N, C-alpha and C. Protein backbone atom coordinates (compact mmCIF):
# COMPACT_ATOMS: atom_id res chain seq x y z
N MET A 1 0.64 -5.16 2.17
CA MET A 1 0.55 -6.42 1.49
C MET A 1 -0.50 -7.29 2.18
N GLY A 2 -1.58 -7.57 1.46
CA GLY A 2 -2.61 -8.42 2.01
C GLY A 2 -3.47 -7.76 3.07
N ALA A 3 -3.36 -6.44 3.17
CA ALA A 3 -4.15 -5.72 4.18
C ALA A 3 -5.47 -5.19 3.62
N GLY A 4 -5.65 -5.29 2.31
CA GLY A 4 -6.91 -4.86 1.71
C GLY A 4 -6.86 -3.51 1.02
N LYS A 5 -5.65 -3.05 0.70
CA LYS A 5 -5.53 -1.69 0.16
C LYS A 5 -6.32 -1.47 -1.13
N THR A 6 -6.34 -2.45 -1.99
CA THR A 6 -7.05 -2.27 -3.26
C THR A 6 -8.55 -2.20 -3.03
N GLU A 7 -9.08 -3.17 -2.32
CA GLU A 7 -10.53 -3.21 -2.11
C GLU A 7 -10.99 -2.02 -1.28
N VAL A 8 -10.29 -1.73 -0.19
CA VAL A 8 -10.67 -0.60 0.66
C VAL A 8 -10.46 0.71 -0.08
N GLY A 9 -9.35 0.83 -0.80
CA GLY A 9 -9.08 2.05 -1.55
C GLY A 9 -10.13 2.35 -2.59
N LYS A 10 -10.55 1.35 -3.33
CA LYS A 10 -11.58 1.54 -4.35
C LYS A 10 -12.91 1.92 -3.72
N LEU A 11 -13.24 1.28 -2.62
CA LEU A 11 -14.49 1.57 -1.91
C LEU A 11 -14.46 2.99 -1.35
N LEU A 12 -13.34 3.38 -0.77
CA LEU A 12 -13.20 4.73 -0.22
C LEU A 12 -13.33 5.78 -1.32
N ALA A 13 -12.67 5.55 -2.44
CA ALA A 13 -12.75 6.49 -3.55
C ALA A 13 -14.19 6.65 -4.02
N LYS A 14 -14.90 5.54 -4.10
CA LYS A 14 -16.30 5.59 -4.54
C LYS A 14 -17.13 6.41 -3.56
N LYS A 15 -16.96 6.16 -2.26
CA LYS A 15 -17.74 6.87 -1.25
C LYS A 15 -17.41 8.36 -1.22
N LEU A 16 -16.15 8.69 -1.49
CA LEU A 16 -15.73 10.09 -1.47
C LEU A 16 -15.92 10.77 -2.83
N LYS A 17 -16.39 10.00 -3.81
CA LYS A 17 -16.56 10.50 -5.18
C LYS A 17 -15.23 11.03 -5.72
N MET A 18 -14.21 10.21 -5.52
CA MET A 18 -12.86 10.53 -5.99
C MET A 18 -12.39 9.43 -6.94
N THR A 19 -11.27 9.67 -7.56
CA THR A 19 -10.66 8.68 -8.45
C THR A 19 -9.67 7.84 -7.65
N TYR A 20 -9.67 6.55 -7.91
CA TYR A 20 -8.73 5.63 -7.26
C TYR A 20 -7.51 5.46 -8.15
N ILE A 21 -6.34 5.57 -7.55
CA ILE A 21 -5.08 5.37 -8.26
C ILE A 21 -4.24 4.37 -7.48
N ASP A 22 -3.71 3.37 -8.17
CA ASP A 22 -2.80 2.41 -7.56
C ASP A 22 -1.45 2.58 -8.24
N THR A 23 -0.44 2.96 -7.47
CA THR A 23 0.87 3.22 -8.06
C THR A 23 1.47 1.97 -8.70
N ASP A 24 1.19 0.80 -8.14
CA ASP A 24 1.70 -0.44 -8.75
C ASP A 24 1.10 -0.65 -10.14
N ASP A 25 -0.19 -0.35 -10.28
CA ASP A 25 -0.84 -0.48 -11.59
C ASP A 25 -0.20 0.47 -12.61
N ILE A 26 0.09 1.69 -12.17
CA ILE A 26 0.72 2.66 -13.08
C ILE A 26 2.09 2.16 -13.53
N ILE A 27 2.86 1.63 -12.58
CA ILE A 27 4.19 1.12 -12.93
C ILE A 27 4.08 -0.03 -13.92
N GLU A 28 3.16 -0.96 -13.66
CA GLU A 28 3.01 -2.10 -14.58
C GLU A 28 2.62 -1.63 -15.99
N LYS A 29 1.73 -0.66 -16.07
CA LYS A 29 1.30 -0.16 -17.38
C LYS A 29 2.46 0.55 -18.09
N LYS A 30 3.18 1.40 -17.35
CA LYS A 30 4.31 2.12 -17.96
C LYS A 30 5.41 1.18 -18.41
N GLN A 31 5.66 0.15 -17.63
CA GLN A 31 6.74 -0.78 -17.93
C GLN A 31 6.33 -1.89 -18.89
N GLY A 32 5.02 -2.11 -19.01
CA GLY A 32 4.54 -3.18 -19.87
C GLY A 32 4.87 -4.56 -19.34
N ARG A 33 5.02 -4.66 -18.03
CA ARG A 33 5.31 -5.95 -17.41
C ARG A 33 4.87 -5.93 -15.95
N SER A 34 4.80 -7.11 -15.38
CA SER A 34 4.31 -7.23 -14.01
C SER A 34 5.35 -6.79 -12.98
N ILE A 35 4.88 -6.53 -11.77
CA ILE A 35 5.79 -6.19 -10.67
C ILE A 35 6.77 -7.34 -10.47
N ASN A 36 6.28 -8.57 -10.54
CA ASN A 36 7.17 -9.74 -10.42
C ASN A 36 8.30 -9.69 -11.44
N ASP A 37 7.94 -9.39 -12.69
CA ASP A 37 8.95 -9.33 -13.75
C ASP A 37 9.93 -8.18 -13.53
N ILE A 38 9.44 -7.07 -13.02
CA ILE A 38 10.33 -5.93 -12.72
C ILE A 38 11.31 -6.32 -11.63
N PHE A 39 10.81 -6.92 -10.55
CA PHE A 39 11.69 -7.37 -9.47
C PHE A 39 12.73 -8.36 -9.99
N ALA A 40 12.26 -9.34 -10.80
CA ALA A 40 13.16 -10.37 -11.30
C ALA A 40 14.20 -9.81 -12.26
N GLY A 41 13.78 -8.89 -13.13
CA GLY A 41 14.68 -8.38 -14.14
C GLY A 41 15.55 -7.22 -13.71
N ASP A 42 14.99 -6.34 -12.89
CA ASP A 42 15.69 -5.10 -12.55
C ASP A 42 16.07 -4.99 -11.08
N GLY A 43 15.42 -5.78 -10.24
CA GLY A 43 15.71 -5.75 -8.81
C GLY A 43 14.80 -4.80 -8.05
N GLU A 44 14.79 -4.98 -6.74
CA GLU A 44 13.91 -4.18 -5.89
C GLU A 44 14.28 -2.70 -5.91
N GLU A 45 15.56 -2.38 -5.90
CA GLU A 45 15.97 -0.97 -5.85
C GLU A 45 15.47 -0.21 -7.08
N SER A 46 15.54 -0.85 -8.24
CA SER A 46 15.04 -0.23 -9.46
C SER A 46 13.52 -0.01 -9.36
N PHE A 47 12.82 -1.00 -8.81
CA PHE A 47 11.38 -0.85 -8.62
C PHE A 47 11.09 0.32 -7.69
N ARG A 48 11.86 0.45 -6.61
CA ARG A 48 11.66 1.56 -5.66
C ARG A 48 11.91 2.90 -6.35
N ASP A 49 12.85 2.95 -7.28
CA ASP A 49 13.08 4.17 -8.07
C ASP A 49 11.85 4.49 -8.92
N MET A 50 11.26 3.46 -9.49
CA MET A 50 10.06 3.65 -10.30
C MET A 50 8.91 4.17 -9.44
N GLU A 51 8.77 3.64 -8.23
CA GLU A 51 7.74 4.12 -7.31
C GLU A 51 7.92 5.61 -7.04
N SER A 52 9.15 5.99 -6.75
CA SER A 52 9.42 7.40 -6.44
C SER A 52 9.11 8.29 -7.63
N ALA A 53 9.45 7.84 -8.82
CA ALA A 53 9.17 8.62 -10.04
C ALA A 53 7.67 8.78 -10.25
N ILE A 54 6.91 7.72 -10.02
CA ILE A 54 5.45 7.80 -10.16
C ILE A 54 4.90 8.81 -9.15
N LEU A 55 5.40 8.74 -7.94
CA LEU A 55 4.94 9.66 -6.89
C LEU A 55 5.25 11.10 -7.27
N ASP A 56 6.40 11.35 -7.87
CA ASP A 56 6.72 12.70 -8.34
C ASP A 56 5.66 13.19 -9.32
N GLY A 57 5.17 12.30 -10.16
CA GLY A 57 4.17 12.66 -11.15
C GLY A 57 2.79 12.93 -10.56
N LEU A 58 2.58 12.54 -9.30
CA LEU A 58 1.29 12.76 -8.66
C LEU A 58 1.27 14.04 -7.82
N ALA A 59 2.37 14.76 -7.80
CA ALA A 59 2.45 15.99 -7.00
C ALA A 59 1.29 16.91 -7.34
N ASN A 60 0.73 17.53 -6.33
CA ASN A 60 -0.38 18.48 -6.46
C ASN A 60 -1.69 17.85 -6.91
N LEU A 61 -1.76 16.54 -6.90
CA LEU A 61 -2.99 15.85 -7.27
C LEU A 61 -4.03 16.06 -6.18
N LYS A 62 -5.25 16.31 -6.59
CA LYS A 62 -6.35 16.51 -5.64
C LYS A 62 -7.49 15.55 -5.96
N ASP A 63 -8.30 15.28 -4.96
CA ASP A 63 -9.50 14.46 -5.11
C ASP A 63 -9.23 13.07 -5.66
N HIS A 64 -8.19 12.45 -5.13
CA HIS A 64 -7.84 11.09 -5.49
C HIS A 64 -7.53 10.29 -4.23
N VAL A 65 -7.82 9.02 -4.28
CA VAL A 65 -7.35 8.07 -3.27
C VAL A 65 -6.19 7.34 -3.91
N VAL A 66 -5.01 7.47 -3.32
CA VAL A 66 -3.80 6.88 -3.89
C VAL A 66 -3.38 5.69 -3.03
N SER A 67 -3.27 4.55 -3.67
CA SER A 67 -2.83 3.33 -3.01
C SER A 67 -1.42 3.01 -3.48
N THR A 68 -0.56 2.68 -2.53
CA THR A 68 0.83 2.38 -2.87
C THR A 68 1.22 1.00 -2.35
N GLY A 69 2.30 0.49 -2.87
CA GLY A 69 2.87 -0.72 -2.30
C GLY A 69 3.45 -0.41 -0.93
N GLY A 70 3.60 -1.45 -0.13
CA GLY A 70 4.06 -1.28 1.24
C GLY A 70 5.47 -0.74 1.38
N GLY A 71 6.28 -0.88 0.34
CA GLY A 71 7.65 -0.39 0.41
C GLY A 71 7.81 1.08 0.08
N MET A 72 6.74 1.71 -0.38
CA MET A 72 6.81 3.12 -0.79
C MET A 72 7.33 4.01 0.33
N ILE A 73 6.97 3.74 1.56
CA ILE A 73 7.33 4.62 2.67
C ILE A 73 8.74 4.35 3.21
N LEU A 74 9.46 3.44 2.60
CA LEU A 74 10.81 3.15 3.06
C LEU A 74 11.77 4.29 2.73
N ARG A 75 11.36 5.14 1.83
CA ARG A 75 12.16 6.32 1.49
C ARG A 75 11.50 7.54 2.12
N PRO A 76 12.21 8.22 3.03
CA PRO A 76 11.62 9.40 3.69
C PRO A 76 11.11 10.45 2.72
N SER A 77 11.77 10.62 1.59
CA SER A 77 11.30 11.61 0.61
C SER A 77 9.92 11.25 0.08
N ASN A 78 9.64 9.96 -0.03
CA ASN A 78 8.31 9.52 -0.48
C ASN A 78 7.25 9.82 0.57
N VAL A 79 7.61 9.67 1.84
CA VAL A 79 6.65 9.95 2.92
C VAL A 79 6.20 11.40 2.84
N LYS A 80 7.13 12.31 2.66
CA LYS A 80 6.77 13.73 2.57
C LYS A 80 5.85 13.97 1.38
N LYS A 81 6.18 13.39 0.25
CA LYS A 81 5.36 13.57 -0.95
C LYS A 81 3.95 13.01 -0.75
N LEU A 82 3.86 11.86 -0.09
CA LEU A 82 2.55 11.27 0.18
C LEU A 82 1.73 12.14 1.11
N LYS A 83 2.37 12.65 2.15
CA LYS A 83 1.65 13.51 3.10
C LYS A 83 1.20 14.81 2.45
N ASP A 84 1.94 15.26 1.44
CA ASP A 84 1.51 16.45 0.71
C ASP A 84 0.22 16.19 -0.09
N LEU A 85 -0.03 14.92 -0.41
CA LEU A 85 -1.23 14.56 -1.16
C LEU A 85 -2.46 14.44 -0.25
N GLY A 86 -2.23 14.19 1.03
CA GLY A 86 -3.35 14.03 1.96
C GLY A 86 -2.94 13.15 3.13
N PRO A 87 -3.90 12.78 3.96
CA PRO A 87 -3.55 11.94 5.11
C PRO A 87 -2.99 10.59 4.67
N LEU A 88 -2.03 10.12 5.41
CA LEU A 88 -1.39 8.85 5.12
C LEU A 88 -2.04 7.78 6.01
N ILE A 89 -2.78 6.88 5.39
CA ILE A 89 -3.53 5.87 6.11
C ILE A 89 -2.81 4.53 5.98
N LEU A 90 -2.54 3.90 7.10
CA LEU A 90 -1.92 2.59 7.12
C LEU A 90 -3.00 1.53 7.30
N LEU A 91 -3.13 0.66 6.31
CA LEU A 91 -3.94 -0.53 6.46
C LEU A 91 -2.98 -1.64 6.86
N TRP A 92 -3.30 -2.30 7.95
CA TRP A 92 -2.41 -3.28 8.52
C TRP A 92 -3.19 -4.55 8.82
N ALA A 93 -2.53 -5.69 8.78
CA ALA A 93 -3.14 -6.96 9.21
C ALA A 93 -2.05 -7.79 9.86
N ASN A 94 -2.45 -8.65 10.78
CA ASN A 94 -1.44 -9.46 11.46
C ASN A 94 -0.86 -10.48 10.48
N PRO A 95 0.34 -10.98 10.77
CA PRO A 95 1.04 -11.85 9.82
C PRO A 95 0.24 -13.08 9.38
N GLU A 96 -0.51 -13.68 10.30
CA GLU A 96 -1.29 -14.86 9.95
C GLU A 96 -2.36 -14.52 8.91
N VAL A 97 -3.01 -13.39 9.11
CA VAL A 97 -4.04 -12.94 8.17
C VAL A 97 -3.41 -12.59 6.82
N VAL A 98 -2.29 -11.91 6.84
CA VAL A 98 -1.60 -11.58 5.59
C VAL A 98 -1.26 -12.86 4.83
N TYR A 99 -0.75 -13.85 5.55
CA TYR A 99 -0.41 -15.11 4.89
C TYR A 99 -1.66 -15.74 4.25
N GLU A 100 -2.75 -15.82 4.99
CA GLU A 100 -3.98 -16.42 4.47
C GLU A 100 -4.48 -15.69 3.24
N ARG A 101 -4.34 -14.37 3.25
CA ARG A 101 -4.84 -13.57 2.12
C ARG A 101 -3.94 -13.63 0.90
N THR A 102 -2.68 -13.98 1.10
CA THR A 102 -1.71 -13.93 -0.01
C THR A 102 -1.18 -15.29 -0.43
N LYS A 103 -1.52 -16.35 0.28
CA LYS A 103 -0.87 -17.65 0.04
C LYS A 103 -1.16 -18.27 -1.32
N ASN A 104 -2.24 -17.89 -1.96
CA ASN A 104 -2.61 -18.51 -3.23
C ASN A 104 -2.25 -17.67 -4.45
N THR A 105 -1.37 -16.71 -4.27
CA THR A 105 -0.95 -15.89 -5.41
C THR A 105 0.57 -15.86 -5.51
N LYS A 106 1.03 -15.75 -6.70
CA LYS A 106 2.47 -15.60 -6.95
C LYS A 106 2.78 -14.15 -7.36
N GLU A 107 1.80 -13.27 -7.18
CA GLU A 107 1.93 -11.88 -7.58
C GLU A 107 2.62 -11.01 -6.55
N ARG A 108 3.18 -11.60 -5.52
CA ARG A 108 3.87 -10.87 -4.45
C ARG A 108 5.34 -11.24 -4.50
N PRO A 109 6.16 -10.47 -5.21
CA PRO A 109 7.55 -10.87 -5.41
C PRO A 109 8.34 -11.09 -4.13
N LEU A 110 8.05 -10.34 -3.09
CA LEU A 110 8.80 -10.51 -1.85
C LEU A 110 8.41 -11.80 -1.12
N LEU A 111 7.28 -12.40 -1.52
CA LEU A 111 6.84 -13.63 -0.86
C LEU A 111 7.10 -14.88 -1.69
N ASN A 112 7.75 -14.73 -2.83
CA ASN A 112 8.08 -15.88 -3.66
C ASN A 112 9.37 -16.51 -3.13
N VAL A 113 9.27 -17.02 -1.91
CA VAL A 113 10.39 -17.63 -1.19
C VAL A 113 9.93 -18.97 -0.61
N ASP A 114 10.88 -19.74 -0.07
CA ASP A 114 10.56 -21.05 0.48
C ASP A 114 9.62 -20.98 1.68
N ASP A 115 9.78 -19.96 2.52
CA ASP A 115 8.96 -19.84 3.73
C ASP A 115 8.28 -18.47 3.77
N PRO A 116 7.15 -18.33 3.03
CA PRO A 116 6.50 -17.02 2.98
C PRO A 116 5.99 -16.53 4.34
N LYS A 117 5.59 -17.44 5.22
CA LYS A 117 5.14 -17.02 6.56
C LYS A 117 6.26 -16.31 7.30
N LYS A 118 7.44 -16.88 7.23
CA LYS A 118 8.61 -16.27 7.89
C LYS A 118 8.93 -14.92 7.26
N LYS A 119 8.85 -14.85 5.93
CA LYS A 119 9.15 -13.61 5.22
C LYS A 119 8.15 -12.52 5.57
N ILE A 120 6.87 -12.87 5.68
CA ILE A 120 5.84 -11.89 6.07
C ILE A 120 6.18 -11.32 7.43
N LYS A 121 6.53 -12.18 8.37
CA LYS A 121 6.87 -11.73 9.72
C LYS A 121 8.09 -10.81 9.69
N GLU A 122 9.11 -11.18 8.92
CA GLU A 122 10.32 -10.35 8.80
C GLU A 122 9.98 -8.97 8.23
N ILE A 123 9.19 -8.96 7.17
CA ILE A 123 8.81 -7.69 6.53
C ILE A 123 8.04 -6.82 7.51
N LEU A 124 7.04 -7.41 8.17
CA LEU A 124 6.24 -6.63 9.12
C LEU A 124 7.04 -6.19 10.33
N ASP A 125 7.91 -7.05 10.83
CA ASP A 125 8.76 -6.66 11.97
C ASP A 125 9.61 -5.44 11.62
N PHE A 126 10.12 -5.42 10.39
CA PHE A 126 10.95 -4.29 9.96
C PHE A 126 10.12 -3.05 9.64
N ARG A 127 9.03 -3.23 8.91
CA ARG A 127 8.28 -2.08 8.40
C ARG A 127 7.28 -1.48 9.38
N THR A 128 6.70 -2.28 10.26
CA THR A 128 5.63 -1.78 11.12
C THR A 128 6.03 -0.56 11.93
N PRO A 129 7.22 -0.53 12.56
CA PRO A 129 7.58 0.69 13.29
C PRO A 129 7.67 1.92 12.36
N ILE A 130 8.12 1.71 11.14
CA ILE A 130 8.20 2.82 10.17
C ILE A 130 6.78 3.26 9.82
N TYR A 131 5.92 2.29 9.50
CA TYR A 131 4.54 2.60 9.16
C TYR A 131 3.88 3.41 10.27
N ARG A 132 4.02 2.92 11.48
CA ARG A 132 3.34 3.56 12.60
C ARG A 132 3.90 4.95 12.87
N ASN A 133 5.15 5.15 12.57
CA ASN A 133 5.77 6.46 12.77
C ASN A 133 5.27 7.51 11.77
N VAL A 134 4.91 7.08 10.58
CA VAL A 134 4.53 8.04 9.53
C VAL A 134 3.03 8.13 9.30
N ALA A 135 2.27 7.13 9.74
CA ALA A 135 0.83 7.10 9.45
C ALA A 135 0.06 8.13 10.25
N ASP A 136 -0.89 8.77 9.59
CA ASP A 136 -1.82 9.67 10.27
C ASP A 136 -2.93 8.86 10.94
N LEU A 137 -3.24 7.71 10.37
CA LEU A 137 -4.25 6.81 10.91
C LEU A 137 -3.83 5.39 10.60
N GLU A 138 -4.00 4.52 11.57
CA GLU A 138 -3.73 3.10 11.38
C GLU A 138 -5.04 2.33 11.52
N VAL A 139 -5.32 1.47 10.55
CA VAL A 139 -6.53 0.64 10.58
C VAL A 139 -6.10 -0.82 10.46
N ASP A 140 -6.34 -1.58 11.52
CA ASP A 140 -6.04 -3.01 11.51
C ASP A 140 -7.21 -3.72 10.82
N THR A 141 -6.95 -4.24 9.64
CA THR A 141 -8.00 -4.89 8.85
C THR A 141 -8.10 -6.39 9.11
N SER A 142 -7.35 -6.88 10.09
CA SER A 142 -7.31 -8.32 10.35
C SER A 142 -8.70 -8.92 10.51
N SER A 143 -9.57 -8.22 11.21
CA SER A 143 -10.92 -8.76 11.44
C SER A 143 -12.02 -7.81 10.97
N LEU A 144 -11.65 -6.86 10.10
CA LEU A 144 -12.64 -5.91 9.58
C LEU A 144 -13.00 -6.25 8.15
N SER A 145 -14.24 -6.00 7.81
CA SER A 145 -14.64 -6.08 6.40
C SER A 145 -14.10 -4.84 5.70
N PRO A 146 -13.98 -4.88 4.38
CA PRO A 146 -13.56 -3.67 3.66
C PRO A 146 -14.48 -2.48 3.97
N GLU A 147 -15.77 -2.74 4.09
CA GLU A 147 -16.73 -1.68 4.41
C GLU A 147 -16.44 -1.07 5.77
N ASP A 148 -16.17 -1.90 6.77
CA ASP A 148 -15.86 -1.39 8.12
C ASP A 148 -14.55 -0.60 8.13
N ALA A 149 -13.55 -1.11 7.42
CA ALA A 149 -12.28 -0.39 7.33
C ALA A 149 -12.49 0.97 6.67
N CYS A 150 -13.26 0.98 5.61
CA CYS A 150 -13.58 2.21 4.89
C CYS A 150 -14.30 3.20 5.81
N ASN A 151 -15.25 2.70 6.58
CA ASN A 151 -15.99 3.58 7.50
C ASN A 151 -15.08 4.20 8.55
N ARG A 152 -14.11 3.46 9.03
CA ARG A 152 -13.15 4.03 10.00
C ARG A 152 -12.35 5.16 9.36
N ILE A 153 -11.95 4.96 8.14
CA ILE A 153 -11.20 6.00 7.44
C ILE A 153 -12.08 7.22 7.20
N MET A 154 -13.31 6.98 6.81
CA MET A 154 -14.26 8.09 6.58
C MET A 154 -14.45 8.90 7.86
N GLU A 155 -14.59 8.23 8.99
CA GLU A 155 -14.74 8.93 10.27
C GLU A 155 -13.53 9.81 10.54
N TYR A 156 -12.36 9.29 10.27
CA TYR A 156 -11.13 10.06 10.49
C TYR A 156 -11.11 11.29 9.58
N ILE A 157 -11.39 11.08 8.32
CA ILE A 157 -11.35 12.16 7.34
C ILE A 157 -12.35 13.25 7.70
N LYS A 158 -13.51 12.85 8.18
CA LYS A 158 -14.55 13.82 8.56
C LYS A 158 -14.25 14.51 9.87
N GLY A 159 -13.19 14.09 10.56
CA GLY A 159 -12.80 14.75 11.79
C GLY A 159 -13.35 14.13 13.06
N ASP A 160 -13.96 12.97 12.92
CA ASP A 160 -14.52 12.28 14.08
C ASP A 160 -13.48 11.32 14.69
N LYS A 161 -12.26 11.78 14.76
CA LYS A 161 -11.15 10.94 15.20
C LYS A 161 -11.40 10.42 16.59
C-alpha cells in the first residue's frame, strides 16, 4: 500500500516485455464495483476469498508481472501460488512515506479510519515480518524513484543479486 506497486509493476512489465496484471483491477472488473465497495458490502474476508480465487486463475501463467494487494500474502496458500508464478518481490516504504502517498485518496479501505497514520503503522507492524519472511527480494521504495526500484528488481531477476 503506497509503496509504488502499480507504477513500478507497469514499468517492470514494459522493460521485460511482459504483460502487467493487477489482481485488484481484476476483482473490481469481475465484481463491477470498487475495492472500497467490496470491503463495505462484503467485508475483508470475502475480499480475501476473491483474491485467492483470482490467484487460482493465474496458475501456470508465464511472462507476466503480477501485482497484488498487500493482504494477498496473509494466506500461506497464496504465498505458494505466487512463488509458483515467479519471484516474490516486496515493495516496501516506511509508514511516513506511505501516509504521504496515500493521504489524499479514499481508495484504500483499510485507511478509511479516524487515524490513518496509526492504522498504517499497525498494518506494517503486523505484515512486515510476514512480508520479509516470504519475499525473494525486498525493495524499500521510500526514497527511490520508480525507475530506480525497477532497476533493482531487474538486477535481481538477471542474477546480479
